PDB file of N, CA and C in Angstrom:
ATOM      1  N   MET A   1      58.385   7.872  30.362  1.00  0.00           N
ATOM      2  CA  MET A   1      57.707   8.257  31.313  1.00  0.00           C
ATOM      3  C   MET A   1      58.632   8.889  32.772  1.00  0.00           C
ATOM      4  N   ASP A   2      58.335   9.845  33.190  1.00  0.00           N
ATOM      5  CA  ASP A   2      59.161  10.256  34.852  1.00  0.00           C
ATOM      6  C   ASP A   2      58.064   9.759  35.659  1.00  0.00           C
ATOM      7  N   LYS A   3      58.312   9.581  36.860  1.00  0.00           N
ATOM      8  CA  LYS A   3      57.650   9.137  37.944  1.00  0.00           C
ATOM      9  C   LYS A   3      56.449   9.976  38.118  1.00  0.00           C
ATOM     10  N   ALA A   4      56.366  11.230  37.691  1.00  0.00           N
ATOM     11  CA  ALA A   4      54.912  11.930  38.112  1.00  0.00           C
ATOM     12  C   ALA A   4      53.924  11.417  36.941  1.00  0.00           C
ATOM     13  N   GLN A   5      54.256  11.096  35.793  1.00  0.00           N
ATOM     14  CA  GLN A   5      53.813  10.717  34.575  1.00  0.00           C
ATOM     15  C   GLN A   5      52.881   9.329  35.318  1.00  0.00           C
ATOM     16  N   VAL A   6      54.157   8.280  35.462  1.00  0.00           N
ATOM     17  CA  VAL A   6      53.520   6.822  36.135  1.00  0.00           C
ATOM     18  C   VAL A   6      52.695   6.906  37.433  1.00  0.00           C
ATOM     19  N   ILE A   7      52.765   8.279  37.798  1.00  0.00           N
ATOM     20  CA  ILE A   7      51.571   7.987  39.233  1.00  0.00           C
ATOM     21  C   ILE A   7      50.635   8.640  38.777  1.00  0.00           C
ATOM     22  N   ALA A   8      50.516   9.771  37.567  1.00  0.00           N
ATOM     23  CA  ALA A   8      49.331  10.305  37.073  1.00  0.00           C
ATOM     24  C   ALA A   8      48.596   9.069  36.257  1.00  0.00           C
ATOM     25  N   SER A   9      49.252   8.102  35.617  1.00  0.00           N
ATOM     26  CA  SER A   9      48.474   7.153  35.079  1.00  0.00           C
ATOM     27  C   SER A   9      47.837   6.488  35.989  1.00  0.00           C
ATOM     28  N   LEU A  10      48.402   5.673  36.745  1.00  0.00           N
ATOM     29  CA  LEU A  10      47.639   5.019  37.938  1.00  0.00           C
ATOM     30  C   LEU A  10      46.715   5.544  38.623  1.00  0.00           C
ATOM     31  N   ALA A  11      47.120   7.069  39.130  1.00  0.00           N
ATOM     32  CA  ALA A  11      45.692   7.607  39.397  1.00  0.00           C
ATOM     33  C   ALA A  11      44.407   7.652  38.911  1.00  0.00           C
ATOM     34  N   GLY A  12      45.092   7.542  37.358  1.00  0.00           N
ATOM     35  CA  GLY A  12      43.633   8.011  36.308  1.00  0.00           C
ATOM     36  C   GLY A  12      43.153   6.370  36.396  1.00  0.00           C
ATOM     37  N   ASP A  13      43.659   5.330  36.153  1.00  0.00           N
ATOM     38  CA  ASP A  13      43.421   4.314  36.572  1.00  0.00           C
ATOM     39  C   ASP A  13      42.345   3.889  37.497  1.00  0.00           C
ATOM     40  N   LEU A  14      42.851   4.582  38.559  1.00  0.00           N
ATOM     41  CA  LEU A  14      41.899   4.116  39.770  1.00  0.00           C
ATOM     42  C   LEU A  14      40.939   5.145  39.864  1.00  0.00           C
ATOM     43  N   TYR A  15      41.074   6.418  39.421  1.00  0.00           N
ATOM     44  CA  TYR A  15      39.892   6.927  39.587  1.00  0.00           C
ATOM     45  C   TYR A  15      38.463   6.473  38.550  1.00  0.00           C
ATOM     46  N   ALA A  16      39.139   5.973  37.581  1.00  0.00           N
ATOM     47  CA  ALA A  16      38.193   5.515  36.336  1.00  0.00           C
ATOM     48  C   ALA A  16      37.730   4.371  36.721  1.00  0.00           C
ATOM     49  N   THR A  17      38.427   3.533  37.301  1.00  0.00           N
ATOM     50  CA  THR A  17      37.683   2.468  38.165  1.00  0.00           C
ATOM     51  C   THR A  17      36.539   2.556  39.195  1.00  0.00           C
ATOM     52  N   GLU A  18      37.134   3.547  40.275  1.00  0.00           N
ATOM     53  CA  GLU A  18      36.172   4.025  41.044  1.00  0.00           C
ATOM     54  C   GLU A  18      34.968   4.356  40.264  1.00  0.00           C
ATOM     55  N   GLN A  19      34.868   5.080  39.383  1.00  0.00           N
ATOM     56  CA  GLN A  19      33.885   5.830  38.751  1.00  0.00           C
ATOM     57  C   GLN A  19      33.196   4.829  38.164  1.00  0.00           C
ATOM     58  N   SER A  20      33.262   3.673  37.254  1.00  0.00           N
ATOM     59  CA  SER A  20      32.716   2.548  36.698  1.00  0.00           C
ATOM     60  C   SER A  20      32.265   1.904  37.799  1.00  0.00           C
ATOM     61  N   VAL A  21      32.406   1.615  38.967  1.00  0.00           N
ATOM     62  CA  VAL A  21      32.081   0.887  39.964  1.00  0.00           C
ATOM     63  C   VAL A  21      30.862   1.673  40.178  1.00  0.00           C
ATOM     64  N   ASP A  22      30.743   3.010  40.644  1.00  0.00           N
ATOM     65  CA  ASP A  22      29.758   4.047  40.896  1.00  0.00           C
ATOM     66  C   ASP A  22      28.559   3.560  40.081  1.00  0.00           C
ATOM     67  N   GLU A  23      29.144   3.906  38.814  1.00  0.00           N
ATOM     68  CA  GLU A  23      28.020   3.807  37.351  1.00  0.00           C
ATOM     69  C   GLU A  23      27.246   2.663  37.366  1.00  0.00           C
ATOM     70  N   ALA A  24      28.095   1.489  37.573  1.00  0.00           N
ATOM     71  CA  ALA A  24      27.427   0.336  37.617  1.00  0.00           C
ATOM     72  C   ALA A  24      26.710  -0.068  38.658  1.00  0.00           C
ATOM     73  N   ILE A  25      26.868   0.642  39.955  1.00  0.00           N
ATOM     74  CA  ILE A  25      25.568   0.362  41.376  1.00  0.00           C
ATOM     75  C   ILE A  25      24.355   1.581  40.632  1.00  0.00           C
ATOM     76  N   ALA A  26      24.548   2.402  40.190  1.00  0.00           N
ATOM     77  CA  ALA A  26      23.521   3.524  39.628  1.00  0.00           C
ATOM     78  C   ALA A  26      22.741   2.746  38.488  1.00  0.00           C
ATOM     79  N   ARG A  27      23.499   2.162  37.683  1.00  0.00           N
ATOM     80  CA  ARG A  27      22.643   1.436  36.616  1.00  0.00           C
ATOM     81  C   ARG A  27      21.862   0.333  37.026  1.00  0.00           C
ATOM     82  N   ALA A  28      22.249  -0.576  38.133  1.00  0.00           N
ATOM     83  CA  ALA A  28      21.787  -1.759  38.556  1.00  0.00           C
ATOM     84  C   ALA A  28      20.377  -1.198  39.649  1.00  0.00           C
ATOM     85  N   THR A  29      20.724  -0.138  40.208  1.00  0.00           N
ATOM     86  CA  THR A  29      19.601   0.427  41.026  1.00  0.00           C
ATOM     87  C   THR A  29      18.501   0.759  40.146  1.00  0.00           C
ATOM     88  N   THR A  30      18.797   1.390  38.517  1.00  0.00           N
ATOM     89  CA  THR A  30      17.934   1.882  37.470  1.00  0.00           C
ATOM     90  C   THR A  30      17.241   0.679  37.426  1.00  0.00           C
ATOM     91  N   LEU A  31      17.627  -0.656  37.178  1.00  0.00           N
ATOM     92  CA  LEU A  31      17.255  -1.490  36.498  1.00  0.00           C
ATOM     93  C   LEU A  31      16.160  -2.108  37.974  1.00  0.00           C
ATOM     94  N   VAL A  32      16.182  -2.179  38.815  1.00  0.00           N
ATOM     95  CA  VAL A  32      15.241  -2.662  39.966  1.00  0.00           C
ATOM     96  C   VAL A  32      14.185  -1.553  40.042  1.00  0.00           C
ATOM     97  N   GLN A  33      14.871  -0.536  39.682  1.00  0.00           N
ATOM     98  CA  GLN A  33      13.591   0.835  39.913  1.00  0.00           C
ATOM     99  C   GLN A  33      12.446   0.340  38.451  1.00  0.00           C
ATOM    100  N   SER A  34      12.887   0.082  37.397  1.00  0.00           N
ATOM    101  CA  SER A  34      12.289  -0.508  36.101  1.00  0.00           C
ATOM    102  C   SER A  34      11.655  -1.501  36.534  1.00  0.00           C
ATOM    103  N   MET A  35      12.052  -2.485  37.017  1.00  0.00           N
ATOM    104  CA  MET A  35      11.727  -4.291  37.177  1.00  0.00           C
ATOM    105  C   MET A  35      10.078  -3.934  37.909  1.00  0.00           C
ATOM    106  N   ILE A  36      10.289  -2.799  39.068  1.00  0.00           N
ATOM    107  CA  ILE A  36       9.165  -2.826  39.702  1.00  0.00           C
ATOM    108  C   ILE A  36       8.027  -2.093  39.302  1.00  0.00           C
ATOM    109  N   GLY A  37       8.807  -0.590  38.609  1.00  0.00           N
ATOM    110  CA  GLY A  37       7.523  -0.096  37.865  1.00  0.00           C
ATOM    111  C   GLY A  37       6.980  -1.199  36.609  1.00  0.00           C
ATOM    112  N   THR A  38       7.630  -1.666  35.728  1.00  0.00           N
ATOM    113  CA  THR A  38       7.037  -2.529  34.661  1.00  0.00           C
ATOM    114  C   THR A  38       6.004  -3.430  35.190  1.00  0.00           C
ATOM    115  N   ARG A  39       6.648  -4.083  36.460  1.00  0.00           N
ATOM    116  CA  ARG A  39       5.528  -4.844  37.082  1.00  0.00           C
ATOM    117  C   ARG A  39       4.305  -4.344  37.483  1.00  0.00           C
ATOM    118  N   THR A  40       4.541  -3.055  38.124  1.00  0.00           N
ATOM    119  CA  THR A  40       2.961  -2.286  38.290  1.00  0.00           C
ATOM    120  C   THR A  40       2.247  -1.974  37.510  1.00  0.00           C
ATOM    121  N   VAL A  41       2.932  -1.671  36.170  1.00  0.00           N
ATOM    122  CA  VAL A  41       2.214  -0.722  34.868  1.00  0.00           C
ATOM    123  C   VAL A  41       1.549  -1.808  34.553  1.00  0.00           C
ATOM    124  N   LEU A  42       2.191  -3.197  34.517  1.00  0.00           N
ATOM    125  CA  LEU A  42       1.624  -4.087  33.801  1.00  0.00           C
ATOM    126  C   LEU A  42       0.320  -5.147  34.700  1.00  0.00           C
ATOM    127  N   GLY A  43       0.438  -4.873  36.033  1.00  0.00           N
ATOM    128  CA  GLY A  43      -0.716  -5.049  36.888  1.00  0.00           C
ATOM    129  C   GLY A  43      -0.111  -6.672  37.252  1.00  0.00           C
ATOM    130  N   VAL A  44       0.935  -6.960  37.454  1.00  0.00           N
ATOM    131  CA  VAL A  44       1.475  -8.000  37.368  1.00  0.00           C
ATOM    132  C   VAL A  44       1.698  -8.347  38.809  1.00  0.00           C
ATOM    133  N   SER A  45       1.483  -9.730  39.540  1.00  0.00           N
ATOM    134  CA  SER A  45       1.236  -9.458  41.117  1.00  0.00           C
ATOM    135  C   SER A  45       3.209  -9.781  41.420  1.00  0.00           C
ATOM    136  N   ALA A  46       3.314  -9.381  42.927  1.00  0.00           N
ATOM    137  CA  ALA A  46       4.585  -9.170  43.282  1.00  0.00           C
ATOM    138  C   ALA A  46       5.136 -10.532  43.121  1.00  0.00           C
ATOM    139  N   VAL A  47       5.114 -11.518  43.046  1.00  0.00           N
ATOM    140  CA  VAL A  47       5.663 -12.738  43.307  1.00  0.00           C
ATOM    141  C   VAL A  47       6.453 -13.181  41.642  1.00  0.00           C
ATOM    142  N   VAL A  48       5.817 -12.533  40.774  1.00  0.00           N
ATOM    143  CA  VAL A  48       6.314 -12.760  39.415  1.00  0.00           C
ATOM    144  C   VAL A  48       7.675 -11.551  39.106  1.00  0.00           C
ATOM    145  N   GLY A  49       8.489 -12.212  38.659  1.00  0.00           N
ATOM    146  CA  GLY A  49       9.797 -11.637  38.810  1.00  0.00           C
ATOM    147  C   GLY A  49      10.832 -11.246  40.420  1.00  0.00           C
ATOM    148  N   SER A  50      10.095 -12.143  41.424  1.00  0.00           N
ATOM    149  CA  SER A  50      10.514 -11.764  42.690  1.00  0.00           C
ATOM    150  C   SER A  50      12.030 -12.371  42.378  1.00  0.00           C
ATOM    151  N   GLU A  51      12.213 -13.312  41.724  1.00  0.00           N
ATOM    152  CA  GLU A  51      13.770 -14.115  41.982  1.00  0.00           C
ATOM    153  C   GLU A  51      14.790 -13.461  40.941  1.00  0.00           C
ATOM    154  N   SER A  52      14.227 -12.612  40.048  1.00  0.00           N
ATOM    155  CA  SER A  52      15.012 -12.049  39.368  1.00  0.00           C
ATOM    156  C   SER A  52      15.294 -10.706  39.675  1.00  0.00           C
ATOM    157  N   GLN A  53      14.419 -10.113  40.743  1.00  0.00           N
ATOM    158  CA  GLN A  53      14.578  -8.701  41.116  1.00  0.00           C
ATOM    159  C   GLN A  53      15.536  -9.253  42.437  1.00  0.00           C
ATOM    160  N   ALA A  54      15.391  -9.954  43.320  1.00  0.00           N
ATOM    161  CA  ALA A  54      16.171 -11.077  44.181  1.00  0.00           C
ATOM    162  C   ALA A  54      17.616 -10.857  43.685  1.00  0.00           C
ATOM    163  N   LYS A  55      18.068 -11.143  42.552  1.00  0.00           N
ATOM    164  CA  LYS A  55      19.112 -11.421  41.860  1.00  0.00           C
ATOM    165  C   LYS A  55      19.738 -10.460  41.591  1.00  0.00           C
ATOM    166  N   ALA A  56      19.011  -9.189  41.091  1.00  0.00           N
ATOM    167  CA  ALA A  56      19.648  -7.913  40.771  1.00  0.00           C
ATOM    168  C   ALA A  56      20.005  -7.364  42.044  1.00  0.00           C
ATOM    169  N   MET A  57      19.094  -7.400  42.858  1.00  0.00           N
ATOM    170  CA  MET A  57      19.246  -6.659  44.197  1.00  0.00           C
ATOM    171  C   MET A  57      20.553  -7.485  45.336  1.00  0.00           C
ATOM    172  N   ASP A  58      21.165  -8.716  44.794  1.00  0.00           N
ATOM    173  CA  ASP A  58      22.244  -9.302  45.382  1.00  0.00           C
ATOM    174  C   ASP A  58      23.278  -8.982  44.468  1.00  0.00           C
ATOM    175  N   ALA A  59      23.106  -8.337  43.312  1.00  0.00           N
ATOM    176  CA  ALA A  59      24.392  -7.719  42.671  1.00  0.00           C
ATOM    177  C   ALA A  59      24.708  -6.678  42.920  1.00  0.00           C
ATOM    178  N   ILE A  60      23.538  -5.621  43.276  1.00  0.00           N
ATOM    179  CA  ILE A  60      23.853  -4.670  43.723  1.00  0.00           C
ATOM    180  C   ILE A  60      24.537  -4.663  45.384  1.00  0.00           C
ATOM    181  N   ALA A  61      24.121  -5.436  46.277  1.00  0.00           N
ATOM    182  CA  ALA A  61      25.093  -5.608  47.371  1.00  0.00           C
ATOM    183  C   ALA A  61      26.585  -6.014  47.002  1.00  0.00           C
ATOM    184  N   SER A  62      26.728  -6.923  46.089  1.00  0.00           N
ATOM    185  CA  SER A  62      27.998  -7.665  45.353  1.00  0.00           C
ATOM    186  C   SER A  62      28.596  -6.205  45.026  1.00  0.00           C
ATOM    187  N   LEU A  63      28.104  -5.120  44.066  1.00  0.00           N
ATOM    188  CA  LEU A  63      29.155  -4.043  43.680  1.00  0.00           C
ATOM    189  C   LEU A  63      28.795  -2.964  44.648  1.00  0.00           C
ATOM    190  N   GLY A  64      28.437  -3.040  45.908  1.00  0.00           N
ATOM    191  CA  GLY A  64      28.633  -2.464  47.070  1.00  0.00           C
ATOM    192  C   GLY A  64      29.730  -3.025  47.641  1.00  0.00           C
ATOM    193  N   ALA A  65      30.192  -4.039  47.663  1.00  0.00           N
ATOM    194  CA  ALA A  65      31.335  -4.598  48.375  1.00  0.00           C
ATOM    195  C   ALA A  65      32.383  -4.398  47.402  1.00  0.00           C
ATOM    196  N   ALA A  66      32.163  -4.363  45.951  1.00  0.00           N
ATOM    197  CA  ALA A  66      33.101  -3.694  45.221  1.00  0.00           C
ATOM    198  C   ALA A  66      33.529  -2.723  45.406  1.00  0.00           C
ATOM    199  N   ARG A  67      32.850  -1.585  45.578  1.00  0.00           N
ATOM    200  CA  ARG A  67      33.160  -0.067  45.942  1.00  0.00           C
ATOM    201  C   ARG A  67      33.919  -0.111  47.032  1.00  0.00           C
ATOM    202  N   GLN A  68      33.355  -0.817  48.204  1.00  0.00           N
ATOM    203  CA  GLN A  68      34.218  -0.793  49.248  1.00  0.00           C
ATOM    204  C   GLN A  68      35.557  -0.999  49.420  1.00  0.00           C
ATOM    205  N   ALA A  69      35.927  -2.292  48.164  1.00  0.00           N
ATOM    206  CA  ALA A  69      37.381  -2.769  48.404  1.00  0.00           C
ATOM    207  C   ALA A  69      37.959  -1.695  47.106  1.00  0.00           C
ATOM    208  N   MET A  70      37.017  -0.925  46.426  1.00  0.00           N
ATOM    209  CA  MET A  70      37.961   0.172  45.669  1.00  0.00           C
ATOM    210  C   MET A  70      38.787   1.210  46.665  1.00  0.00           C
ATOM    211  N   VAL A  71      37.710   1.346  47.596  1.00  0.00           N
ATOM    212  CA  VAL A  71      37.862   2.901  48.327  1.00  0.00           C
ATOM    213  C   VAL A  71      39.368   2.357  49.296  1.00  0.00           C
ATOM    214  N   THR A  72      39.103   1.046  49.793  1.00  0.00           N
ATOM    215  CA  THR A  72      40.211   0.680  50.550  1.00  0.00           C
ATOM    216  C   THR A  72      41.423   0.250  50.039  1.00  0.00           C
ATOM    217  N   CYS A  73      41.659   0.031  48.803  1.00  0.00           N
ATOM    218  CA  CYS A  73      42.660   0.136  47.562  1.00  0.00           C
ATOM    219  C   CYS A  73      43.258   1.344  47.842  1.00  0.00           C
ATOM    220  N   HIS A  74      42.034   2.321  47.098  1.00  0.00           N
ATOM    221  CA  HIS A  74      42.622   3.762  47.001  1.00  0.00           C
ATOM    222  C   HIS A  74      43.427   4.286  48.325  1.00  0.00           C
ATOM    223  N   GLU A  75      42.852   4.072  49.597  1.00  0.00           N
ATOM    224  CA  GLU A  75      43.493   4.503  50.833  1.00  0.00           C
ATOM    225  C   GLU A  75      44.998   3.688  50.955  1.00  0.00           C
ATOM    226  N   GLU A  76      45.073   2.785  50.684  1.00  0.00           N
ATOM    227  CA  GLU A  76      46.166   1.585  50.635  1.00  0.00           C
ATOM    228  C   GLU A  76      47.098   2.267  49.408  1.00  0.00           C
ATOM    229  N   LEU A  77      46.628   2.561  48.466  1.00  0.00           N
ATOM    230  CA  LEU A  77      47.830   3.300  47.444  1.00  0.00           C
ATOM    231  C   LEU A  77      48.385   4.629  48.276  1.00  0.00           C
ATOM    232  N   ALA A  78      47.459   5.367  48.870  1.00  0.00           N
ATOM    233  CA  ALA A  78      47.758   6.854  49.284  1.00  0.00           C
ATOM    234  C   ALA A  78      48.660   6.163  50.420  1.00  0.00           C
ATOM    235  N   LYS A  79      48.721   5.645  51.224  1.00  0.00           N
ATOM    236  CA  LYS A  79      49.841   5.195  51.932  1.00  0.00           C
ATOM    237  C   LYS A  79      50.965   4.798  51.450  1.00  0.00           C
ATOM    238  N   ASP A  80      50.884   3.894  50.507  1.00  0.00           N
ATOM    239  CA  ASP A  80      52.285   3.377  49.857  1.00  0.00           C
ATOM    240  C   ASP A  80      53.028   4.466  48.779  1.00  0.00           C
ATOM    241  N   HIS A  81      52.232   5.570  48.691  1.00  0.00           N
ATOM    242  CA  HIS A  81      52.371   6.952  48.104  1.00  0.00           C
ATOM    243  C   HIS A  81      53.131   7.478  49.052  1.00  0.00           C
ATOM    244  N   ARG A  82      52.705   7.807  50.422  1.00  0.00           N
ATOM    245  CA  ARG A  82      53.408   8.324  51.055  1.00  0.00           C
ATOM    246  C   ARG A  82      54.856   7.880  51.742  1.00  0.00           C
ATOM    247  N   ARG A  83      54.589   6.643  51.848  1.00  0.00           N
ATOM    248  CA  ARG A  83      55.829   6.095  52.527  1.00  0.00           C
ATOM    249  C   ARG A  83      56.789   5.960  51.870  1.00  0.00           C
ATOM    250  N   MET A  84      56.603   6.097  50.144  1.00  0.00           N
ATOM    251  CA  MET A  84      57.949   6.272  49.246  1.00  0.00           C
ATOM    252  C   MET A  84      58.039   7.397  49.225  1.00  0.00           C
ATOM    253  N   GLY A  85      57.699   8.643  49.662  1.00  0.00           N
ATOM    254  CA  GLY A  85      58.488   9.649  49.952  1.00  0.00           C
ATOM    255  C   GLY A  85      58.119  10.891  48.729  1.00  0.00           C
ATOM    256  N   TYR A  86      56.892  10.078  48.005  1.00  0.00           N
ATOM    257  CA  TYR A  86      56.319  11.080  46.797  1.00  0.00           C
ATOM    258  C   TYR A  86      55.798  12.258  47.325  1.00  0.00           C
ATOM    259  N   GLY A  87      55.282  12.344  48.599  1.00  0.00           N
ATOM    260  CA  GLY A  87      54.335  13.458  48.870  1.00  0.00           C
ATOM    261  C   GLY A  87      53.045  13.410  48.865  1.00  0.00           C
ATOM    262  N   VAL A  88      52.445  14.634  48.773  1.00  0.00           N
ATOM    263  CA  VAL A  88      50.761  14.570  48.167  1.00  0.00           C
ATOM    264  C   VAL A  88      51.085  15.096  46.917  1.00  0.00           C
ATOM    265  N   TYR A  89      49.902  13.957  45.625  1.00  0.00           N
ATOM    266  CA  TYR A  89      49.954  14.235  44.740  1.00  0.00           C
ATOM    267  C   TYR A  89      48.610  14.923  44.274  1.00  0.00           C
ATOM    268  N   ALA A  90      48.773  15.899  43.553  1.00  0.00           N
ATOM    269  CA  ALA A  90      47.224  16.833  43.455  1.00  0.00           C
ATOM    270  C   ALA A  90      47.106  16.263  41.997  1.00  0.00           C
ATOM    271  N   SER A  91      45.851  15.684  41.560  1.00  0.00           N
ATOM    272  CA  SER A  91      45.369  15.072  40.429  1.00  0.00           C
ATOM    273  C   SER A  91      44.918  16.426  39.382  1.00  0.00           C
ATOM    274  N   ASP A  92      45.163  16.237  38.016  1.00  0.00           N
ATOM    275  CA  ASP A  92      45.176  17.177  37.047  1.00  0.00           C
ATOM    276  C   ASP A  92      43.817  17.108  36.457  1.00  0.00           C
ATOM    277  N   GLY A  93      42.776  17.393  37.119  1.00  0.00           N
ATOM    278  CA  GLY A  93      41.589  17.592  36.568  1.00  0.00           C
ATOM    279  C   GLY A  93      41.149  16.259  36.460  1.00  0.00           C
ATOM    280  N   GLN A  94      41.421  15.385  37.483  1.00  0.00           N
ATOM    281  CA  GLN A  94      40.263  14.049  37.119  1.00  0.00           C
ATOM    282  C   GLN A  94      39.188  14.168  37.834  1.00  0.00           C
ATOM    283  N   ASP A  95      38.445  13.191  37.974  1.00  0.00           N
ATOM    284  CA  ASP A  95      37.035  13.305  38.412  1.00  0.00           C
ATOM    285  C   ASP A  95      37.245  12.858  40.283  1.00  0.00           C
ATOM    286  N   LYS A  96      37.758  13.595  40.958  1.00  0.00           N
ATOM    287  CA  LYS A  96      38.201  13.282  42.174  1.00  0.00           C
ATOM    288  C   LYS A  96      37.473  14.262  43.352  1.00  0.00           C
ATOM    289  N   PRO A  97      36.631  13.456  44.160  1.00  0.00           N
ATOM    290  CA  PRO A  97      36.219  14.364  45.336  1.00  0.00           C
ATOM    291  C   PRO A  97      37.076  15.769  45.781  1.00  0.00           C
ATOM    292  N   ARG A  98      36.549  16.709  46.037  1.00  0.00           N
ATOM    293  CA  ARG A  98      37.380  17.804  46.557  1.00  0.00           C
ATOM    294  C   ARG A  98      36.910  17.803  47.955  1.00  0.00           C
ATOM    295  N   GLU A  99      37.956  18.431  48.935  1.00  0.00           N
ATOM    296  CA  GLU A  99      37.698  18.815  50.043  1.00  0.00           C
ATOM    297  C   GLU A  99      36.800  19.767  50.163  1.00  0.00           C
ATOM    298  N   VAL A 100      36.064  19.746  51.337  1.00  0.00           N
ATOM    299  CA  VAL A 100      34.944  20.794  51.711  1.00  0.00           C
ATOM    300  C   VAL A 100      35.667  22.166  52.215  1.00  0.00           C
ATOM    301  N   PRO A 101      35.494  23.271  51.608  1.00  0.00           N
ATOM    302  CA  PRO A 101      36.653  24.391  51.962  1.00  0.00           C
ATOM    303  C   PRO A 101      35.727  24.483  53.301  1.00  0.00           C
ATOM    304  N   LYS A 102      36.905  25.025  54.333  1.00  0.00           N
ATOM    305  CA  LYS A 102      36.792  25.380  55.446  1.00  0.00           C
ATOM    306  C   LYS A 102      36.145  26.796  55.868  1.00  0.00           C
ATOM    307  N   VAL A 103      35.257  26.983  56.662  1.00  0.00           N
ATOM    308  CA  VAL A 103      34.600  28.485  56.534  1.00  0.00           C
ATOM    309  C   VAL A 103      35.325  28.894  57.839  1.00  0.00           C
ATOM    310  N   PRO A 104      35.708  30.126  57.381  1.00  0.00           N
ATOM    311  CA  PRO A 104      36.634  31.019  58.308  1.00  0.00           C
ATOM    312  C   PRO A 104      35.714  30.912  59.713  1.00  0.00           C
ATOM    313  N   ILE A 105      36.330  31.059  60.697  1.00  0.00           N
ATOM    314  CA  ILE A 105      35.519  31.943  62.024  1.00  0.00           C
ATOM    315  C   ILE A 105      35.758  32.956  62.404  1.00  0.00           C
ATOM    316  N   ILE A 106      34.394  33.853  62.353  1.00  0.00           N
ATOM    317  CA  ILE A 106      34.752  35.046  62.668  1.00  0.00           C
ATOM    318  C   ILE A 106      34.041  35.261  63.917  1.00  0.00           C
ATOM    319  N   GLY A 107      34.952  36.339  65.007  1.00  0.00           N
ATOM    320  CA  GLY A 107      34.497  36.720  65.959  1.00  0.00           C
ATOM    321  C   GLY A 107      34.888  35.410  66.778  1.00  0.00           C
ATOM    322  N   GLU A 108      34.778  35.487  68.327  1.00  0.00           N
ATOM    323  CA  GLU A 108      35.278  34.480  69.171  1.00  0.00           C
ATOM    324  C   GLU A 108      34.282  33.619  69.612  1.00  0.00           C
ATOM    325  N   HIS A 109      34.446  32.181  69.504  1.00  0.00           N
ATOM    326  CA  HIS A 109      33.641  30.996  69.712  1.00  0.00           C
ATOM    327  C   HIS A 109      34.678  30.188  70.879  1.00  0.00           C
ATOM    328  N   ARG A 110      33.913  30.546  71.961  1.00  0.00           N
ATOM    329  CA  ARG A 110      34.612  29.589  73.012  1.00  0.00           C
ATOM    330  C   ARG A 110      33.854  29.066  73.776  1.00  0.00           C
ATOM    331  N   LEU A 111      34.019  27.951  74.382  1.00  0.00           N
ATOM    332  CA  LEU A 111      32.984  27.017  75.163  1.00  0.00           C
ATOM    333  C   LEU A 111      33.011  27.866  76.420  1.00  0.00           C
ATOM    334  N   ARG A 112      31.799  27.656  77.094  1.00  0.00           N
ATOM    335  CA  ARG A 112      32.141  28.313  78.370  1.00  0.00           C
ATOM    336  C   ARG A 112      31.419  27.657  79.166  1.00  0.00           C
ATOM    337  N   ALA A 113      31.281  27.646  80.591  1.00  0.00           N
ATOM    338  CA  ALA A 113      30.539  27.170  81.816  1.00  0.00           C
ATOM    339  C   ALA A 113      29.463  27.609  81.770  1.00  0.00           C
ATOM    340  N   VAL A 114      28.551  26.970  81.926  1.00  0.00           N
ATOM    341  CA  VAL A 114      26.923  27.686  82.330  1.00  0.00           C
ATOM    342  C   VAL A 114      26.523  27.414  83.881  1.00  0.00           C
TER     343      VAL A 114
END
C-alpha cells in the first residue's frame, strides 16, 4: 500500500465511525419517541417507564458527547495530516460533508456611511 491508500483507509474508517455514531443517535431518539408514543397509545401514566426513558435520554447525551469527541478526533487528524506535509486529502466518494458553494457577487456591494 502506498501512502495515499493508507490515508484513504484511515479516512474511510473515520467517516464510517462518524456515521455510526450519528445513526446511533438517530436510533436512540426514535426509541424515546416510541416509548412516549407507546405510553400514550396504551393510556398509561407518565410515571410508568419514566426511569427507563430517563436512561435512554442519558444514553443520547452520552452519544452526543461521543459525537463531539469524534469531531475533535477528525480535526486533530486533519492537523496531523497537514503537519506531516500530506496537503489536502480529497475523499473518493466517502460520505463527507461538502463545502457550501460560494455564490458569486454580482455588481458592486460595498458598505457606505449613511
